[in-house]
Protein backbone atom coordinates (compact mmCIF):
# COMPACT_ATOMS: atom_id res chain seq x y z
CA MET A 1 -19.13 6.51 -5.10
CA PHE A 2 -17.44 3.05 -6.22
CA THR A 3 -14.44 2.04 -4.41
CA ILE A 4 -12.19 -0.67 -6.12
CA ALA A 5 -9.42 -2.38 -4.33
CA ILE A 6 -6.31 -3.17 -6.41
CA ALA A 7 -5.27 -6.65 -6.03
CA GLU A 8 -2.09 -6.71 -3.94
CA GLU A 9 1.17 -7.36 -5.67
CA LYS A 10 3.08 -8.88 -2.93
CA VAL A 11 6.86 -9.10 -2.98
CA LYS A 12 8.01 -12.37 -3.93
CA PRO A 13 9.75 -14.22 -1.13
CA PHE A 14 12.65 -15.30 -3.06
CA GLN A 15 13.36 -11.80 -3.91
CA THR A 16 13.67 -10.77 -0.40
CA VAL A 17 15.93 -13.68 0.47
CA ALA A 18 18.07 -13.07 -2.71
CA LEU A 19 18.86 -9.60 -1.60
CA HIS A 20 19.76 -10.61 1.90
CA PHE A 21 22.10 -13.13 0.38
CA LEU A 22 23.71 -10.62 -1.76
CA VAL A 23 24.19 -8.41 1.14
CA GLY A 24 25.74 -11.10 3.24
CA LEU A 25 27.96 -12.15 0.30
CA ALA A 26 29.20 -8.55 0.04
CA LEU A 27 30.15 -8.18 3.49
CA PHE A 28 31.66 -11.52 3.76
CA THR A 29 33.79 -10.84 0.54
CA PHE A 30 35.00 -7.35 1.80
CA GLY A 31 35.69 -8.69 5.14
CA VAL A 32 37.92 -11.47 3.82
CA LEU A 33 39.64 -8.98 1.55
CA SER A 34 40.23 -6.39 4.06
CA TYR A 35 41.87 -9.01 6.61
CA LEU A 36 44.01 -10.27 3.80
CA PHE A 37 45.25 -6.99 2.50
CA TYR A 38 46.22 -6.08 6.00
CA PHE A 39 48.46 -9.18 6.41
CA TYR A 40 49.90 -8.64 2.89
CA THR A 41 50.91 -5.13 3.33
CA ILE A 42 52.40 -5.99 6.71
CA ASN A 43 53.91 -9.50 6.48
CA ILE A 44 54.70 -9.74 2.78
CA THR A 45 55.67 -6.13 1.74
CA ASN A 46 56.89 -5.15 5.08
CA ALA A 47 55.15 -1.71 4.54
CA ALA A 48 52.99 -0.12 6.97
CA SER A 49 49.36 -0.41 5.99
CA SER A 50 47.44 2.67 5.19
CA MET A 51 44.74 1.40 7.31
CA PRO A 52 46.15 -0.63 10.02
CA GLU A 53 42.32 -0.99 11.62
CA LEU A 54 41.73 -3.55 8.76
CA LYS A 55 42.93 -6.23 11.43
CA ARG A 56 39.86 -5.54 13.37
CA TRP A 57 37.58 -4.15 10.52
CA GLY A 58 38.00 -7.14 8.45
CA PRO A 59 36.34 -9.56 11.10
CA VAL A 60 33.81 -6.79 11.87
CA MET A 61 32.60 -7.18 8.28
CA LEU A 62 33.36 -10.77 7.85
CA PHE A 63 31.09 -12.34 10.74
CA PRO A 64 28.12 -10.18 10.25
CA GLY A 65 28.27 -11.20 6.50
CA LEU A 66 28.74 -14.80 7.33
CA ALA A 67 25.76 -14.70 9.88
CA ILE A 68 23.44 -13.16 7.06
CA LEU A 69 24.68 -15.74 4.62
CA ILE A 70 23.78 -18.56 6.97
CA ILE A 71 20.34 -16.99 7.69
CA SER A 72 19.36 -16.39 4.18
CA LEU A 73 20.44 -20.02 3.23
CA PHE A 74 18.98 -22.19 6.04
CA ARG A 75 16.38 -19.79 7.81
CA GLY A 76 14.49 -18.70 4.76
CA ARG A 77 11.19 -19.48 6.26
CA TRP A 78 11.91 -17.35 9.36
CA LEU A 79 13.37 -14.50 7.11
CA LYS A 80 10.11 -14.20 5.15
CA LYS A 81 8.17 -13.03 8.20
CA PRO A 82 7.75 -9.31 7.63
CA LYS A 83 9.07 -8.47 11.20
CA ASN A 84 12.09 -10.61 10.88
CA ASN A 85 12.71 -9.24 7.32
CA LYS A 86 12.64 -5.62 8.50
CA ALA A 87 14.73 -6.14 11.35
CA LEU A 88 17.48 -7.74 9.46
CA ARG A 89 17.08 -5.00 6.70
CA ILE A 90 17.83 -2.32 9.28
CA ILE A 91 20.91 -4.19 10.59
CA GLU A 92 22.29 -4.55 7.03
CA ILE A 93 21.55 -0.55 6.33
CA GLY A 94 23.33 0.31 9.58
CA CYS A 95 26.28 -1.94 8.84
CA SER A 96 26.67 -0.58 5.16
CA ILE A 97 26.54 3.20 6.27
CA LEU A 98 29.05 2.03 9.09
CA TYR A 99 31.43 0.55 6.53
CA ALA A 100 30.87 3.29 3.84
CA GLY A 101 31.90 5.97 6.59
CA TYR A 102 35.07 3.76 7.40
CA PHE A 103 36.46 3.49 3.94
CA ALA A 104 35.61 7.02 3.30
CA TYR A 105 37.66 8.20 6.31
CA GLY A 106 40.55 6.21 4.84
CA HIS A 107 40.07 7.91 1.24
CA TRP A 108 39.14 4.31 0.03
CA TRP A 109 36.57 5.63 -2.32
CA LEU A 110 35.83 2.69 -4.29
CA PRO A 111 34.79 0.50 -1.39
CA ALA A 112 33.14 3.56 0.13
CA GLY A 113 31.13 4.28 -2.90
CA ILE A 114 30.08 0.35 -3.11
CA PHE A 115 28.72 0.39 0.57
CA GLY A 116 27.08 3.80 -0.01
CA ILE A 117 25.16 2.39 -3.04
CA LEU A 118 24.39 -0.71 -1.06
CA ALA A 119 22.95 1.36 1.81
CA ALA A 120 20.69 3.26 -0.57
CA THR A 121 19.59 0.12 -2.41
CA LEU A 122 18.64 -1.58 0.88
CA LEU A 123 16.68 1.52 1.93
CA LEU A 124 14.78 1.62 -1.40
CA ALA A 125 14.05 -2.01 -1.11
CA THR A 126 12.68 -1.52 2.38
CA LEU A 127 10.47 1.22 1.29
CA TRP A 128 9.44 -0.92 -1.85
CA GLU A 129 8.57 -3.93 0.21
CA SER A 130 6.41 -1.93 2.70
CA ASN A 131 4.53 -0.16 -0.06
CA LYS A 132 4.03 -3.39 -2.09
CA ASN A 133 2.07 -5.01 1.03
CA ARG A 134 -0.07 -1.89 1.46
CA ALA A 135 -3.58 -1.93 0.19
CA GLN A 136 -4.40 0.52 -2.63
CA PHE A 137 -7.91 1.83 -3.76
CA ILE A 138 -9.58 3.28 -6.86
CA ASN A 139 -12.53 5.71 -6.15
CA ILE A 140 -14.89 6.74 -8.78
CA ASP A 141 -17.64 9.42 -8.03
CA GLU A 142 -19.23 12.31 -9.83
CA LYS A 143 -15.98 14.39 -9.81
CA GLY A 144 -13.80 11.76 -11.59
CA VAL A 145 -11.51 8.86 -10.83
CA GLN A 146 -9.25 9.15 -7.95
CA LEU A 147 -6.27 7.04 -8.89
CA PRO A 148 -4.13 4.81 -6.32
CA SER A 149 -1.19 6.73 -4.58
CA THR A 150 1.16 4.69 -6.47
CA SER A 151 0.15 6.36 -9.83
CA ARG A 152 1.92 9.44 -11.53
CA ARG A 153 -1.24 11.25 -11.39
CA GLY A 154 -3.66 11.84 -8.72
CA SER A 155 -7.10 11.73 -10.54
CA LEU A 156 -8.62 11.97 -13.78
CA ALA A 157 -11.67 14.29 -14.64
CA TRP A 158 -14.45 12.69 -16.50
CA ASN A 159 -13.90 15.09 -19.75
CA GLU A 160 -10.48 13.22 -19.77
CA ILE A 161 -11.98 9.67 -19.90
CA GLU A 162 -13.16 7.95 -23.11
CA GLN A 163 -14.30 4.55 -21.38
CA VAL A 164 -14.06 2.59 -18.27
CA ILE A 165 -14.28 -1.15 -18.53
CA LEU A 166 -14.18 -3.77 -16.06
CA ARG A 167 -13.54 -7.21 -17.42
CA PHE A 168 -12.06 -10.36 -15.77
CA GLY A 169 -10.61 -8.69 -12.70
CA ILE A 170 -9.01 -5.92 -14.75
CA LEU A 171 -10.02 -2.35 -14.58
CA THR A 172 -9.29 -0.35 -17.78
CA ILE A 173 -9.56 3.48 -18.17
CA ASP A 174 -9.20 4.50 -21.67
CA CYS A 175 -8.42 8.34 -22.03
CA VAL A 176 -9.43 10.73 -24.72
CA ASP A 177 -5.64 11.40 -25.16
CA ASN A 178 -4.88 7.64 -25.96
CA HIS A 179 -3.45 7.10 -22.49
CA LEU A 180 -4.48 3.77 -20.96
CA TYR A 181 -4.73 2.81 -17.24
CA GLN A 182 -4.96 -0.80 -16.20
CA TRP A 183 -5.07 -2.54 -12.57
CA ASN A 184 -5.70 -5.98 -11.56
CA VAL A 185 -8.60 -5.45 -9.04
CA ASN A 186 -10.22 -7.56 -6.32
CA ALA A 187 -13.77 -8.93 -6.84
CA ALA A 188 -16.12 -5.95 -6.01
CA GLU A 189 -19.60 -5.97 -4.13
CA PHE A 190 -21.21 -4.32 -7.32
CA SER A 191 -21.45 -5.56 -10.88
CA LYS A 192 -19.52 -4.48 -13.84
CA GLU A 193 -22.58 -3.47 -15.56
CA GLU A 194 -23.50 -0.97 -12.91
CA LEU A 195 -20.04 0.41 -12.79
CA GLU A 196 -19.77 0.77 -16.59
CA ALA A 197 -23.22 2.16 -16.83
CA TYR A 198 -22.44 4.88 -14.04
CA CYS A 199 -19.03 5.87 -15.78
CA SER A 200 -20.66 5.82 -19.19
CA LYS A 201 -23.39 8.34 -18.07
CA LEU A 202 -20.78 10.75 -16.51
CA VAL A 203 -18.54 10.52 -19.60
CA ILE A 204 -21.23 11.53 -21.87
CA ALA A 205 -22.38 14.20 -19.66
CA ASN A 206 -19.01 15.76 -19.33
CA LYS A 207 -17.89 15.32 -22.97
CA GLY A 208 -16.45 18.27 -24.67
CA LYS A 209 -16.23 20.28 -21.51
CA ASN A 210 -12.92 22.24 -20.54
CA LYS A 211 -10.45 20.25 -18.48
CA GLY A 212 -10.71 21.18 -14.85
CA ALA A 213 -8.10 21.06 -12.19
CA ASP A 214 -7.30 17.91 -10.37
CA TRP A 215 -9.18 17.51 -7.25
């Protein structure tokens, strides 16, 4: 069996810091707007605010947002460490869910929807960052090619494969139905000639056979 490691596609540091910055900016902006809206309705229009708690909730959003902005602008190196990044992501998700619930309770659906979408985006970003830094492998044996977990398919049988090529750090699998799979891979202990000869033998041996079930 041949096991080939896919070259890690690490999350770019600027992407991580940029998302933290955007979250901080969103929290800070809504904090300022909430606080100003409260004083506008109370002091200028002399009307009772529909959500008098904005006097307290404005700073509750403003100060965490300001803290996140400062960290993302001046503590980028600290923030790039996976442990610190994940901890701040959890805080951001918690704040977003809390604010979404608060605005939904007051029937302010637009900001509630914005913070709900922000919470979902942060959750997906956390999962994406974790998966991007996890090693992935392609396994090749007599049964076929087992694809990495990030692929849509779990495996390819040999009667589905036309050719397997390893060139310049790129593994290419050309299928009989014209589908093409490619990955950047790390240097292997075996030679490309050895891999290609092994695959070619199994492709020829299984050519024309009925397609079997995935394994």
